[in-house]
C-alpha cells in the first residue's frame, strides 16, 4: 500500500497518467474517433472493391459488345427491347408473391 502511495505522489507518474488519460478520452483524435474513422475506412474500402468489380464487369461487357455483333444484338434485345421489323416482342413481368 505504501508503494502505491509513493507511486501516486511521483510527479512523473502523475504527468504520464494525465497524458494517457488526455490522449485516450479528451484529445480530438481520441479512441472513439479512431474507432469511427477505422469503421468508415473499412466501409469505403468495401465500396471501392464493389465498384472495382463492377467496372471490370462493364469493361468486359463493353469489349464483348465491340467485338461480337451477335452479342450486341442480344444486348439490344434484352436491355432495350429492340426488335426486327417482322418480329413481335412480348415482355413477361412476374408478379411479386402475395404474403
N, C-alpha and C. Protein backbone atom coordinates (compact mmCIF):
# COMPACT_ATOMS: atom_id res chain seq x y z
N UNK A 1 0.83 -1.19 0.00
CA UNK A 1 0.00 0.00 0.00
C UNK A 1 0.88 1.26 0.00
N UNK A 2 1.90 1.22 0.76
CA UNK A 2 2.78 2.38 0.83
C UNK A 2 3.50 2.59 -0.50
N UNK A 3 3.79 1.49 -1.19
CA UNK A 3 4.44 1.57 -2.51
C UNK A 3 3.50 2.27 -3.51
N UNK A 4 2.23 1.93 -3.46
CA UNK A 4 1.23 2.55 -4.32
C UNK A 4 1.09 4.03 -4.00
N UNK A 5 1.11 4.37 -2.74
CA UNK A 5 1.01 5.77 -2.32
C UNK A 5 2.23 6.56 -2.81
N UNK A 6 3.40 5.95 -2.75
CA UNK A 6 4.61 6.61 -3.26
C UNK A 6 4.51 6.83 -4.76
N UNK A 7 3.98 5.83 -5.45
CA UNK A 7 3.84 5.92 -6.90
C UNK A 7 2.88 7.05 -7.27
N UNK A 8 1.81 7.21 -6.52
CA UNK A 8 0.83 8.26 -6.80
C UNK A 8 1.38 9.65 -6.52
N UNK A 9 2.38 9.75 -5.64
CA UNK A 9 2.98 11.05 -5.34
C UNK A 9 4.10 11.42 -6.31
N UNK A 10 4.52 10.47 -7.12
CA UNK A 10 5.60 10.71 -8.06
C UNK A 10 5.11 11.62 -9.18
N UNK A 11 5.79 12.74 -9.38
CA UNK A 11 5.33 13.72 -10.37
C UNK A 11 5.41 13.18 -11.80
N UNK A 12 6.35 12.29 -12.10
CA UNK A 12 6.46 11.71 -13.43
C UNK A 12 5.30 10.73 -13.72
N UNK A 13 4.93 10.00 -12.69
CA UNK A 13 3.79 9.08 -12.84
C UNK A 13 2.50 9.86 -13.06
N UNK A 14 2.32 10.91 -12.29
CA UNK A 14 1.11 11.74 -12.42
C UNK A 14 1.05 12.38 -13.81
N UNK A 15 2.19 12.90 -14.27
CA UNK A 15 2.23 13.53 -15.60
C UNK A 15 1.94 12.50 -16.70
N UNK A 16 2.53 11.32 -16.57
CA UNK A 16 2.30 10.26 -17.57
C UNK A 16 0.85 9.81 -17.55
N UNK A 17 0.28 9.62 -16.38
CA UNK A 17 -1.12 9.19 -16.26
C UNK A 17 -2.05 10.26 -16.84
N UNK A 18 -1.78 11.52 -16.53
CA UNK A 18 -2.61 12.60 -17.07
C UNK A 18 -2.52 12.64 -18.60
N UNK A 19 -1.31 12.46 -19.11
CA UNK A 19 -1.13 12.44 -20.57
C UNK A 19 -1.90 11.29 -21.22
N UNK A 20 -1.81 10.11 -20.63
CA UNK A 20 -2.52 8.95 -21.18
C UNK A 20 -4.03 9.16 -21.14
N UNK A 21 -4.54 9.66 -20.03
CA UNK A 21 -5.99 9.92 -19.93
C UNK A 21 -6.40 10.97 -20.95
N UNK A 22 -5.62 12.02 -21.07
CA UNK A 22 -5.93 13.07 -22.04
C UNK A 22 -5.98 12.50 -23.47
N UNK A 23 -4.99 11.70 -23.83
CA UNK A 23 -4.92 11.15 -25.19
C UNK A 23 -6.03 10.14 -25.46
N UNK A 24 -6.44 9.39 -24.45
CA UNK A 24 -7.47 8.37 -24.65
C UNK A 24 -8.87 8.94 -24.72
N UNK A 25 -9.15 10.01 -23.99
CA UNK A 25 -10.54 10.46 -23.87
C UNK A 25 -10.81 11.89 -24.32
N UNK A 26 -9.87 12.81 -24.20
CA UNK A 26 -10.18 14.22 -24.42
C UNK A 26 -9.58 14.82 -25.68
N UNK A 27 -8.61 14.20 -26.27
CA UNK A 27 -7.96 14.73 -27.46
C UNK A 27 -8.92 14.64 -28.66
N UNK A 28 -8.68 15.43 -29.70
CA UNK A 28 -9.57 15.37 -30.87
C UNK A 28 -9.42 14.05 -31.61
N UNK A 29 -8.34 13.33 -31.42
CA UNK A 29 -8.13 12.01 -32.02
C UNK A 29 -8.20 10.92 -30.95
N UNK A 30 -9.21 10.99 -30.09
CA UNK A 30 -9.33 10.02 -29.02
C UNK A 30 -9.71 8.64 -29.56
N UNK A 31 -9.83 7.68 -28.68
CA UNK A 31 -10.08 6.29 -29.08
C UNK A 31 -11.42 6.14 -29.82
N UNK A 32 -12.45 6.84 -29.38
CA UNK A 32 -13.75 6.75 -30.05
C UNK A 32 -13.66 7.29 -31.48
N UNK A 33 -12.98 8.40 -31.66
CA UNK A 33 -12.80 8.95 -33.01
C UNK A 33 -12.01 7.99 -33.89
N UNK A 34 -10.97 7.39 -33.34
CA UNK A 34 -10.17 6.44 -34.11
C UNK A 34 -11.00 5.24 -34.54
N UNK A 35 -11.87 4.76 -33.65
CA UNK A 35 -12.75 3.64 -33.99
C UNK A 35 -13.71 4.03 -35.12
N UNK A 36 -14.29 5.22 -35.02
CA UNK A 36 -15.21 5.69 -36.06
C UNK A 36 -14.48 5.85 -37.40
N UNK A 37 -13.28 6.39 -37.37
CA UNK A 37 -12.51 6.54 -38.60
C UNK A 37 -12.19 5.19 -39.21
N UNK A 38 -11.83 4.23 -38.39
CA UNK A 38 -11.49 2.90 -38.89
C UNK A 38 -12.71 2.22 -39.53
N UNK A 39 -13.89 2.36 -38.91
CA UNK A 39 -15.09 1.75 -39.50
C UNK A 39 -15.45 2.45 -40.81
N UNK A 40 -15.26 3.76 -40.88
CA UNK A 40 -15.54 4.47 -42.12
C UNK A 40 -14.57 4.06 -43.22
N UNK A 41 -13.30 3.88 -42.87
CA UNK A 41 -12.31 3.43 -43.86
C UNK A 41 -12.68 2.03 -44.37
N UNK A 42 -13.10 1.15 -43.48
CA UNK A 42 -13.49 -0.20 -43.90
C UNK A 42 -14.70 -0.16 -44.83
N UNK A 43 -15.66 0.69 -44.51
CA UNK A 43 -16.85 0.82 -45.36
C UNK A 43 -16.48 1.36 -46.74
N UNK A 44 -15.62 2.35 -46.77
CA UNK A 44 -15.19 2.92 -48.04
C UNK A 44 -14.37 1.93 -48.85
N UNK A 45 -13.58 1.10 -48.17
CA UNK A 45 -12.80 0.07 -48.87
C UNK A 45 -13.72 -0.96 -49.51
N UNK A 46 -14.79 -1.34 -48.79
CA UNK A 46 -15.77 -2.28 -49.36
C UNK A 46 -16.44 -1.67 -50.59
N UNK A 47 -16.80 -0.39 -50.51
CA UNK A 47 -17.40 0.29 -51.66
C UNK A 47 -16.43 0.33 -52.84
N UNK A 48 -15.17 0.62 -52.55
CA UNK A 48 -14.16 0.66 -53.60
C UNK A 48 -14.03 -0.70 -54.27
N UNK A 49 -13.99 -1.76 -53.48
CA UNK A 49 -13.89 -3.11 -54.04
C UNK A 49 -15.11 -3.43 -54.90
N UNK A 50 -16.30 -3.05 -54.43
CA UNK A 50 -17.53 -3.29 -55.20
C UNK A 50 -17.47 -2.57 -56.54
N UNK A 51 -17.11 -1.29 -56.52
CA UNK A 51 -17.08 -0.52 -57.76
C UNK A 51 -15.96 -0.98 -58.69
N UNK A 52 -14.86 -1.46 -58.14
CA UNK A 52 -13.79 -2.02 -58.97
C UNK A 52 -14.28 -3.26 -59.71
N UNK A 53 -15.00 -4.12 -58.99
CA UNK A 53 -15.56 -5.32 -59.62
C UNK A 53 -16.59 -4.96 -60.69
N UNK A 54 -17.45 -4.00 -60.38
CA UNK A 54 -18.46 -3.57 -61.35
C UNK A 54 -17.81 -2.97 -62.59
N UNK A 55 -16.77 -2.19 -62.40
CA UNK A 55 -16.06 -1.60 -63.53
C UNK A 55 -15.44 -2.68 -64.41
N UNK A 56 -14.88 -3.69 -63.79
CA UNK A 56 -14.29 -4.80 -64.55
C UNK A 56 -15.37 -5.53 -65.36
N UNK A 57 -16.54 -5.74 -64.76
CA UNK A 57 -17.65 -6.40 -65.47
C UNK A 57 -18.11 -5.56 -66.66
N UNK A 58 -18.25 -4.26 -66.44
CA UNK A 58 -18.71 -3.38 -67.51
C UNK A 58 -17.69 -3.32 -68.65
N UNK A 59 -16.39 -3.27 -68.30
CA UNK A 59 -15.36 -3.26 -69.33
C UNK A 59 -15.39 -4.55 -70.15
N UNK A 60 -15.62 -5.67 -69.47
CA UNK A 60 -15.70 -6.96 -70.17
C UNK A 60 -16.90 -6.96 -71.12
N UNK A 61 -18.05 -6.49 -70.62
CA UNK A 61 -19.24 -6.42 -71.48
C UNK A 61 -19.02 -5.48 -72.66
N UNK A 62 -18.40 -4.35 -72.41
CA UNK A 62 -18.13 -3.39 -73.48
C UNK A 62 -17.20 -4.00 -74.53
N UNK A 63 -16.20 -4.71 -74.09
CA UNK A 63 -15.29 -5.36 -75.03
C UNK A 63 -16.04 -6.40 -75.87
N UNK A 64 -16.91 -7.16 -75.23
CA UNK A 64 -17.71 -8.15 -75.97
C UNK A 64 -18.63 -7.47 -76.98
N UNK A 65 -19.25 -6.37 -76.57
CA UNK A 65 -20.16 -5.66 -77.47
C UNK A 65 -19.43 -5.08 -78.67
N UNK A 66 -18.22 -4.61 -78.44
CA UNK A 66 -17.45 -4.02 -79.54
C UNK A 66 -16.89 -5.05 -80.49
N UNK A 67 -16.67 -6.27 -80.03
CA UNK A 67 -16.02 -7.27 -80.88
C UNK A 67 -16.99 -8.26 -81.52
N UNK A 68 -18.15 -8.49 -80.93
CA UNK A 68 -19.05 -9.51 -81.42
C UNK A 68 -20.41 -8.90 -81.75
N UNK A 69 -20.82 -8.98 -83.00
CA UNK A 69 -22.09 -8.40 -83.43
C UNK A 69 -23.29 -9.14 -82.83
N UNK A 70 -23.18 -10.46 -82.69
CA UNK A 70 -24.27 -11.25 -82.10
C UNK A 70 -24.52 -10.82 -80.65
N UNK A 71 -23.45 -10.55 -79.93
CA UNK A 71 -23.59 -10.12 -78.54
C UNK A 71 -24.26 -8.75 -78.48
N UNK A 72 -23.90 -7.87 -79.39
CA UNK A 72 -24.53 -6.54 -79.42
C UNK A 72 -26.02 -6.67 -79.71
N UNK A 73 -26.39 -7.54 -80.63
CA UNK A 73 -27.81 -7.74 -80.94
C UNK A 73 -28.55 -8.31 -79.73
N UNK A 74 -27.96 -9.28 -79.06
CA UNK A 74 -28.58 -9.88 -77.88
C UNK A 74 -28.76 -8.84 -76.78
N UNK A 75 -27.73 -8.02 -76.58
CA UNK A 75 -27.79 -6.98 -75.57
C UNK A 75 -28.92 -5.99 -75.87
N UNK A 76 -29.02 -5.57 -77.12
CA UNK A 76 -30.05 -4.61 -77.50
C UNK A 76 -31.44 -5.20 -77.31
N UNK A 77 -31.60 -6.47 -77.63
CA UNK A 77 -32.91 -7.11 -77.48
C UNK A 77 -33.29 -7.25 -76.01
N UNK A 78 -32.34 -7.65 -75.17
CA UNK A 78 -32.64 -7.90 -73.75
C UNK A 78 -32.81 -6.62 -72.95
N UNK A 79 -31.94 -5.66 -73.17
CA UNK A 79 -31.94 -4.46 -72.33
C UNK A 79 -32.89 -3.37 -72.83
N UNK A 80 -32.99 -3.22 -74.13
CA UNK A 80 -33.77 -2.11 -74.68
C UNK A 80 -35.00 -2.56 -75.45
N UNK A 81 -35.30 -3.85 -75.43
CA UNK A 81 -36.48 -4.42 -76.08
C UNK A 81 -36.56 -4.04 -77.55
N UNK A 82 -35.44 -4.03 -78.22
CA UNK A 82 -35.42 -3.74 -79.66
C UNK A 82 -35.80 -5.00 -80.41
N UNK A 83 -36.32 -4.81 -81.61
CA UNK A 83 -36.75 -5.96 -82.41
C UNK A 83 -36.53 -5.67 -83.88
N UNK A 84 -36.59 -6.74 -84.65
CA UNK A 84 -36.52 -6.58 -86.10
C UNK A 84 -37.91 -6.19 -86.59
N UNK A 85 -38.00 -5.73 -87.84
CA UNK A 85 -39.27 -5.21 -88.34
C UNK A 85 -40.36 -6.29 -88.46
N UNK A 86 -39.99 -7.53 -88.62
CA UNK A 86 -41.01 -8.57 -88.80
C UNK A 86 -41.21 -9.40 -87.53
N UNK A 87 -40.84 -8.89 -86.37
CA UNK A 87 -40.97 -9.63 -85.13
C UNK A 87 -41.92 -8.92 -84.17
N UNK A 88 -42.49 -9.71 -83.26
CA UNK A 88 -43.26 -9.18 -82.14
C UNK A 88 -42.52 -9.51 -80.86
N UNK A 89 -42.51 -8.59 -79.92
CA UNK A 89 -41.82 -8.79 -78.66
C UNK A 89 -42.85 -8.83 -77.55
N UNK A 90 -42.77 -9.86 -76.72
CA UNK A 90 -43.64 -9.99 -75.57
C UNK A 90 -42.79 -9.88 -74.31
N UNK A 91 -43.17 -8.95 -73.45
CA UNK A 91 -42.45 -8.76 -72.21
C UNK A 91 -43.27 -9.40 -71.10
N UNK A 92 -42.68 -10.37 -70.40
CA UNK A 92 -43.37 -11.06 -69.32
C UNK A 92 -42.80 -10.56 -68.00
N UNK A 93 -43.69 -10.02 -67.18
CA UNK A 93 -43.29 -9.50 -65.88
C UNK A 93 -43.89 -10.41 -64.82
N UNK A 94 -43.04 -10.97 -64.00
CA UNK A 94 -43.51 -11.86 -62.94
C UNK A 94 -44.04 -11.02 -61.80
N UNK A 95 -45.22 -11.39 -61.31
CA UNK A 95 -45.81 -10.67 -60.19
C UNK A 95 -45.13 -11.09 -58.90
N UNK A 96 -45.04 -10.18 -57.98
CA UNK A 96 -44.44 -10.49 -56.68
C UNK A 96 -45.39 -11.39 -55.90
N UNK A 97 -44.87 -12.35 -55.17
CA UNK A 97 -45.75 -13.24 -54.39
C UNK A 97 -46.47 -12.47 -53.29
N UNK A 98 -47.72 -12.83 -53.10
CA UNK A 98 -48.53 -12.17 -52.05
C UNK A 98 -48.30 -12.88 -50.74
N UNK A 99 -48.20 -12.10 -49.68
CA UNK A 99 -47.97 -12.67 -48.34
C UNK A 99 -49.27 -13.10 -47.70
